[in-house]
N, C-alpha and C. Protein backbone atom coordinates (compact mmCIF):
# COMPACT_ATOMS: atom_id res chain seq x y z
N MET A 1 127.32 303.95 229.27
CA MET A 1 126.51 302.90 229.80
C MET A 1 126.74 302.83 231.30
N THR A 2 125.67 302.82 232.09
CA THR A 2 125.80 302.85 233.54
C THR A 2 125.96 301.47 234.15
N LEU A 3 125.54 300.42 233.47
CA LEU A 3 125.61 299.05 233.97
C LEU A 3 124.94 298.90 235.32
N VAL A 4 123.72 299.42 235.43
CA VAL A 4 122.93 299.30 236.64
C VAL A 4 121.58 298.69 236.26
N LYS A 5 121.19 297.65 236.98
CA LYS A 5 119.92 297.00 236.70
C LYS A 5 118.76 297.86 237.20
N THR A 6 117.74 297.99 236.37
CA THR A 6 116.57 298.76 236.78
C THR A 6 115.73 297.93 237.73
N ASP A 7 114.99 298.59 238.58
CA ASP A 7 114.14 297.91 239.55
C ASP A 7 112.73 297.80 238.97
N PRO A 8 112.28 296.58 238.64
CA PRO A 8 110.94 296.41 238.07
C PRO A 8 109.82 296.77 239.04
N GLU A 9 110.11 296.84 240.32
CA GLU A 9 109.08 297.19 241.30
C GLU A 9 108.60 298.63 241.11
N THR A 10 109.41 299.47 240.48
CA THR A 10 109.01 300.85 240.24
C THR A 10 107.97 300.96 239.13
N TRP A 11 107.78 299.86 238.38
CA TRP A 11 106.81 299.88 237.29
C TRP A 11 105.39 299.62 237.77
N LYS A 12 105.23 299.19 239.03
CA LYS A 12 103.89 298.87 239.53
C LYS A 12 103.06 300.15 239.68
N PRO A 13 101.80 300.08 239.28
CA PRO A 13 100.92 301.25 239.41
C PRO A 13 100.41 301.39 240.84
N THR A 14 99.81 302.54 241.11
CA THR A 14 99.17 302.75 242.40
C THR A 14 97.67 302.89 242.18
N LEU A 15 96.92 302.39 243.12
CA LEU A 15 95.46 302.42 243.02
C LEU A 15 94.96 303.78 243.48
N LYS A 16 94.19 304.43 242.62
CA LYS A 16 93.59 305.71 242.97
C LYS A 16 92.28 305.47 243.70
N ALA A 17 91.91 306.40 244.54
CA ALA A 17 90.63 306.31 245.24
C ALA A 17 89.92 307.65 245.13
N SER A 18 88.64 307.58 244.94
CA SER A 18 87.85 308.80 244.82
C SER A 18 87.71 309.45 246.18
N LYS A 19 87.85 310.77 246.21
CA LYS A 19 87.72 311.49 247.47
C LYS A 19 86.27 311.52 247.93
N GLU A 20 85.41 311.58 246.96
CA GLU A 20 83.99 311.51 247.28
C GLU A 20 83.56 310.06 247.08
N VAL A 21 82.54 309.68 247.75
CA VAL A 21 82.10 308.28 247.64
C VAL A 21 81.30 308.12 246.37
N LYS A 22 82.00 307.74 245.31
CA LYS A 22 81.35 307.49 244.03
C LYS A 22 81.74 306.09 243.61
N ASP A 23 80.78 305.19 243.68
CA ASP A 23 81.08 303.79 243.37
C ASP A 23 81.52 303.60 241.93
N GLN A 24 80.92 304.34 241.01
CA GLN A 24 81.26 304.18 239.61
C GLN A 24 82.72 304.61 239.35
N GLU A 25 83.13 305.72 239.93
CA GLU A 25 84.48 306.21 239.75
C GLU A 25 85.50 305.26 240.40
N ASN A 26 85.20 304.77 241.58
CA ASN A 26 86.09 303.82 242.24
C ASN A 26 86.21 302.53 241.45
N GLU A 27 85.12 302.07 240.86
CA GLU A 27 85.15 300.87 240.04
C GLU A 27 86.03 301.07 238.81
N GLN A 28 85.94 302.28 238.22
CA GLN A 28 86.78 302.59 237.06
C GLN A 28 88.25 302.61 237.47
N PHE A 29 88.57 303.17 238.62
CA PHE A 29 89.95 303.18 239.11
C PHE A 29 90.46 301.76 239.33
N LYS A 30 89.61 300.89 239.86
CA LYS A 30 90.01 299.50 240.09
C LYS A 30 90.29 298.78 238.76
N MET A 31 89.47 299.04 237.76
CA MET A 31 89.67 298.41 236.45
C MET A 31 90.97 298.90 235.81
N GLU A 32 91.22 300.21 235.88
CA GLU A 32 92.45 300.77 235.33
C GLU A 32 93.67 300.22 236.07
N TYR A 33 93.56 300.11 237.40
CA TYR A 33 94.66 299.58 238.20
C TYR A 33 94.96 298.14 237.81
N LYS A 34 93.93 297.33 237.65
CA LYS A 34 94.12 295.92 237.28
C LYS A 34 94.81 295.81 235.92
N ALA A 35 94.39 296.63 234.95
CA ALA A 35 95.00 296.59 233.63
C ALA A 35 96.48 297.01 233.69
N GLU A 36 96.76 298.07 234.44
CA GLU A 36 98.13 298.55 234.57
C GLU A 36 99.01 297.55 235.34
N LEU A 37 98.43 296.91 236.36
CA LEU A 37 99.17 295.92 237.13
C LEU A 37 99.50 294.70 236.26
N ASP A 38 98.54 294.25 235.48
CA ASP A 38 98.78 293.12 234.57
C ASP A 38 99.91 293.44 233.60
N GLU A 39 99.89 294.65 233.06
CA GLU A 39 100.93 295.07 232.12
C GLU A 39 102.29 295.17 232.81
N ALA A 40 102.32 295.68 234.04
CA ALA A 40 103.58 295.80 234.78
C ALA A 40 104.16 294.42 235.10
N LEU A 41 103.31 293.48 235.48
CA LEU A 41 103.79 292.13 235.78
C LEU A 41 104.30 291.43 234.52
N LYS A 42 103.61 291.65 233.40
CA LYS A 42 104.05 291.07 232.13
C LYS A 42 105.41 291.66 231.74
N ARG A 43 105.56 292.96 231.93
CA ARG A 43 106.82 293.63 231.62
C ARG A 43 107.96 293.13 232.50
N LYS A 44 107.66 292.86 233.78
CA LYS A 44 108.65 292.35 234.71
C LYS A 44 109.11 290.95 234.28
N ARG A 45 108.16 290.09 233.90
CA ARG A 45 108.51 288.75 233.43
C ARG A 45 109.39 288.82 232.18
N MET A 46 109.00 289.68 231.24
CA MET A 46 109.77 289.84 230.01
C MET A 46 111.17 290.35 230.31
N CYS A 47 111.29 291.27 231.23
CA CYS A 47 112.59 291.82 231.61
C CYS A 47 113.50 290.73 232.17
N ASN A 48 112.97 289.92 233.07
CA ASN A 48 113.77 288.84 233.66
C ASN A 48 114.17 287.81 232.60
N ASN A 49 113.25 287.46 231.71
CA ASN A 49 113.57 286.52 230.63
C ASN A 49 114.64 287.10 229.70
N ASN A 50 114.51 288.37 229.38
CA ASN A 50 115.47 289.00 228.47
C ASN A 50 116.84 289.16 229.11
N LEU A 51 116.91 289.37 230.43
CA LEU A 51 118.20 289.44 231.11
C LEU A 51 118.93 288.10 230.99
N PHE A 52 118.20 287.01 231.16
CA PHE A 52 118.80 285.69 231.04
C PHE A 52 119.26 285.44 229.60
N LYS A 53 118.42 285.81 228.63
CA LYS A 53 118.78 285.64 227.22
C LYS A 53 120.00 286.48 226.85
N ALA A 54 120.05 287.70 227.36
CA ALA A 54 121.19 288.58 227.08
C ALA A 54 122.47 288.01 227.68
N TYR A 55 122.37 287.45 228.89
CA TYR A 55 123.54 286.84 229.52
C TYR A 55 124.07 285.72 228.64
N THR A 56 123.20 284.83 228.19
CA THR A 56 123.66 283.69 227.38
C THR A 56 124.22 284.17 226.04
N LEU A 57 123.59 285.17 225.45
CA LEU A 57 124.08 285.69 224.18
C LEU A 57 125.48 286.28 224.32
N ILE A 58 125.69 287.09 225.35
CA ILE A 58 127.00 287.70 225.56
C ILE A 58 128.04 286.64 225.90
N TRP A 59 127.67 285.67 226.71
CA TRP A 59 128.60 284.60 227.07
C TRP A 59 129.03 283.82 225.83
N GLU A 60 128.08 283.53 224.94
CA GLU A 60 128.40 282.79 223.72
C GLU A 60 129.28 283.59 222.78
N ARG A 61 129.14 284.90 222.79
CA ARG A 61 129.93 285.76 221.90
C ARG A 61 131.34 286.01 222.43
N CYS A 62 131.58 285.71 223.69
CA CYS A 62 132.93 285.90 224.25
C CYS A 62 133.88 284.89 223.66
N ALA A 63 135.11 285.31 223.47
CA ALA A 63 136.15 284.39 223.01
C ALA A 63 136.44 283.38 224.12
N LYS A 64 136.97 282.24 223.74
CA LYS A 64 137.29 281.19 224.73
C LYS A 64 138.28 281.71 225.77
N ALA A 65 139.23 282.52 225.35
CA ALA A 65 140.21 283.08 226.29
C ALA A 65 139.50 283.95 227.33
N MET A 66 138.55 284.77 226.89
CA MET A 66 137.81 285.62 227.83
C MET A 66 136.95 284.76 228.76
N GLN A 67 136.30 283.74 228.21
CA GLN A 67 135.49 282.85 229.05
C GLN A 67 136.37 282.18 230.12
N ASN A 68 137.55 281.75 229.73
CA ASN A 68 138.45 281.11 230.69
C ASN A 68 138.90 282.09 231.78
N LYS A 69 139.15 283.34 231.40
CA LYS A 69 139.51 284.36 232.40
C LYS A 69 138.36 284.58 233.38
N LEU A 70 137.14 284.63 232.85
CA LEU A 70 135.98 284.84 233.71
C LEU A 70 135.74 283.64 234.62
N LEU A 71 135.89 282.44 234.07
CA LEU A 71 135.71 281.23 234.87
C LEU A 71 136.77 281.10 235.96
N ALA A 72 137.94 281.66 235.72
CA ALA A 72 139.04 281.58 236.68
C ALA A 72 138.85 282.53 237.86
N GLN A 73 137.95 283.47 237.75
CA GLN A 73 137.71 284.40 238.85
C GLN A 73 137.13 283.65 240.04
N SER A 74 137.55 284.03 241.23
CA SER A 74 137.10 283.32 242.44
C SER A 74 135.61 283.53 242.72
N ASP A 75 135.05 284.65 242.29
CA ASP A 75 133.64 284.92 242.58
C ASP A 75 132.72 284.61 241.41
N TYR A 76 133.20 283.84 240.43
CA TYR A 76 132.38 283.56 239.25
C TYR A 76 131.08 282.84 239.62
N GLU A 77 131.19 281.75 240.35
CA GLU A 77 130.00 280.95 240.69
C GLU A 77 129.02 281.72 241.56
N ASP A 78 129.53 282.50 242.50
CA ASP A 78 128.67 283.20 243.45
C ASP A 78 128.04 284.46 242.88
N GLU A 79 128.82 285.24 242.12
CA GLU A 79 128.35 286.56 241.74
C GLU A 79 128.10 286.75 240.25
N ILE A 80 128.96 286.22 239.42
CA ILE A 80 128.89 286.52 237.99
C ILE A 80 127.92 285.62 237.24
N TYR A 81 127.87 284.33 237.61
CA TYR A 81 127.06 283.36 236.89
C TYR A 81 125.58 283.78 236.90
N ASN A 82 125.00 283.90 235.70
CA ASN A 82 123.61 284.31 235.48
C ASN A 82 123.30 285.72 235.98
N ASN A 83 124.29 286.57 236.09
CA ASN A 83 124.08 287.96 236.46
C ASN A 83 124.67 288.83 235.35
N LEU A 84 123.79 289.36 234.50
CA LEU A 84 124.22 290.10 233.31
C LEU A 84 125.10 291.29 233.65
N ILE A 85 124.72 292.07 234.63
CA ILE A 85 125.45 293.29 234.97
C ILE A 85 126.87 292.95 235.44
N LYS A 86 126.98 291.97 236.33
CA LYS A 86 128.31 291.57 236.83
C LYS A 86 129.15 290.99 235.70
N LEU A 87 128.52 290.24 234.78
CA LEU A 87 129.24 289.69 233.64
C LEU A 87 129.82 290.82 232.79
N LEU A 88 129.00 291.81 232.48
CA LEU A 88 129.47 292.93 231.66
C LEU A 88 130.59 293.70 232.34
N LYS A 89 130.47 293.90 233.65
CA LYS A 89 131.53 294.60 234.38
C LYS A 89 132.83 293.80 234.38
N SER A 90 132.72 292.48 234.52
CA SER A 90 133.92 291.65 234.51
C SER A 90 134.56 291.63 233.13
N ILE A 91 133.75 291.57 232.09
CA ILE A 91 134.28 291.61 230.72
C ILE A 91 134.99 292.93 230.48
N LYS A 92 134.36 294.02 230.92
CA LYS A 92 134.96 295.34 230.76
C LYS A 92 136.30 295.42 231.50
N GLU A 93 136.33 294.87 232.71
CA GLU A 93 137.56 294.89 233.51
C GLU A 93 138.67 294.11 232.81
N HIS A 94 138.36 292.93 232.28
CA HIS A 94 139.38 292.12 231.61
C HIS A 94 139.77 292.71 230.25
N ALA A 95 138.80 293.26 229.55
CA ALA A 95 139.09 293.82 228.22
C ALA A 95 139.96 295.06 228.31
N LEU A 96 139.77 295.86 229.35
CA LEU A 96 140.55 297.09 229.48
C LEU A 96 141.87 296.87 230.20
N ASN A 97 142.06 295.69 230.77
CA ASN A 97 143.32 295.38 231.44
C ASN A 97 144.29 294.80 230.42
N TYR A 98 145.03 295.66 229.79
CA TYR A 98 145.94 295.25 228.74
C TYR A 98 147.36 295.07 229.27
N GLN A 99 147.55 295.12 230.56
CA GLN A 99 148.88 295.02 231.13
C GLN A 99 149.55 293.69 230.81
N GLU A 100 148.78 292.62 230.79
CA GLU A 100 149.39 291.31 230.60
C GLU A 100 149.94 291.10 229.20
N THR A 101 149.50 291.90 228.22
CA THR A 101 149.98 291.71 226.86
C THR A 101 150.98 292.78 226.44
N ARG A 102 151.26 293.73 227.32
CA ARG A 102 152.21 294.79 226.98
C ARG A 102 153.64 294.30 227.09
N TYR A 103 154.49 295.01 226.44
CA TYR A 103 155.92 294.72 226.50
C TYR A 103 156.42 294.95 227.92
N LYS A 104 157.11 293.99 228.48
CA LYS A 104 157.50 294.03 229.90
C LYS A 104 158.38 295.22 230.26
N MET A 105 159.27 295.60 229.36
CA MET A 105 160.14 296.73 229.66
C MET A 105 159.38 298.04 229.73
N SER A 106 158.31 298.16 228.93
CA SER A 106 157.51 299.40 229.01
C SER A 106 156.74 299.46 230.31
N ILE A 107 156.32 298.32 230.83
CA ILE A 107 155.64 298.29 232.13
C ILE A 107 156.60 298.74 233.22
N ILE A 108 157.84 298.25 233.16
CA ILE A 108 158.85 298.62 234.16
C ILE A 108 159.17 300.11 234.06
N SER A 109 159.32 300.61 232.84
CA SER A 109 159.65 302.03 232.70
C SER A 109 158.48 302.92 233.13
N ASP A 110 157.25 302.48 232.89
CA ASP A 110 156.09 303.24 233.34
C ASP A 110 156.02 303.26 234.87
N ALA A 111 156.46 302.19 235.50
CA ALA A 111 156.44 302.11 236.95
C ALA A 111 157.41 303.13 237.56
N PHE A 112 158.56 303.36 236.88
CA PHE A 112 159.51 304.35 237.39
C PHE A 112 158.97 305.73 237.18
């Protein structure tokens, strides 16, 4: 998983223009462009709504201990709150950081 947000602006279509002056062909291009643009804007709205829903779903599924760790981060309010990608990265960072639960003597011996 790359944990990179896609750019919805890349979904926007481009308007084609006829090289020869053909009003009928240009009108068809305009109609196709309008339909594709409507679909791209709908897709963008759905993407933004789903990102928010995914954030709340993942937050609710986190254990209270994990939520407290995330809330304790200094950049939680500025960067992580309502940002799905940053939330997932922070969860991954805390979940893979098992140093705090390891036996202290093994940490010391690993350091040597």
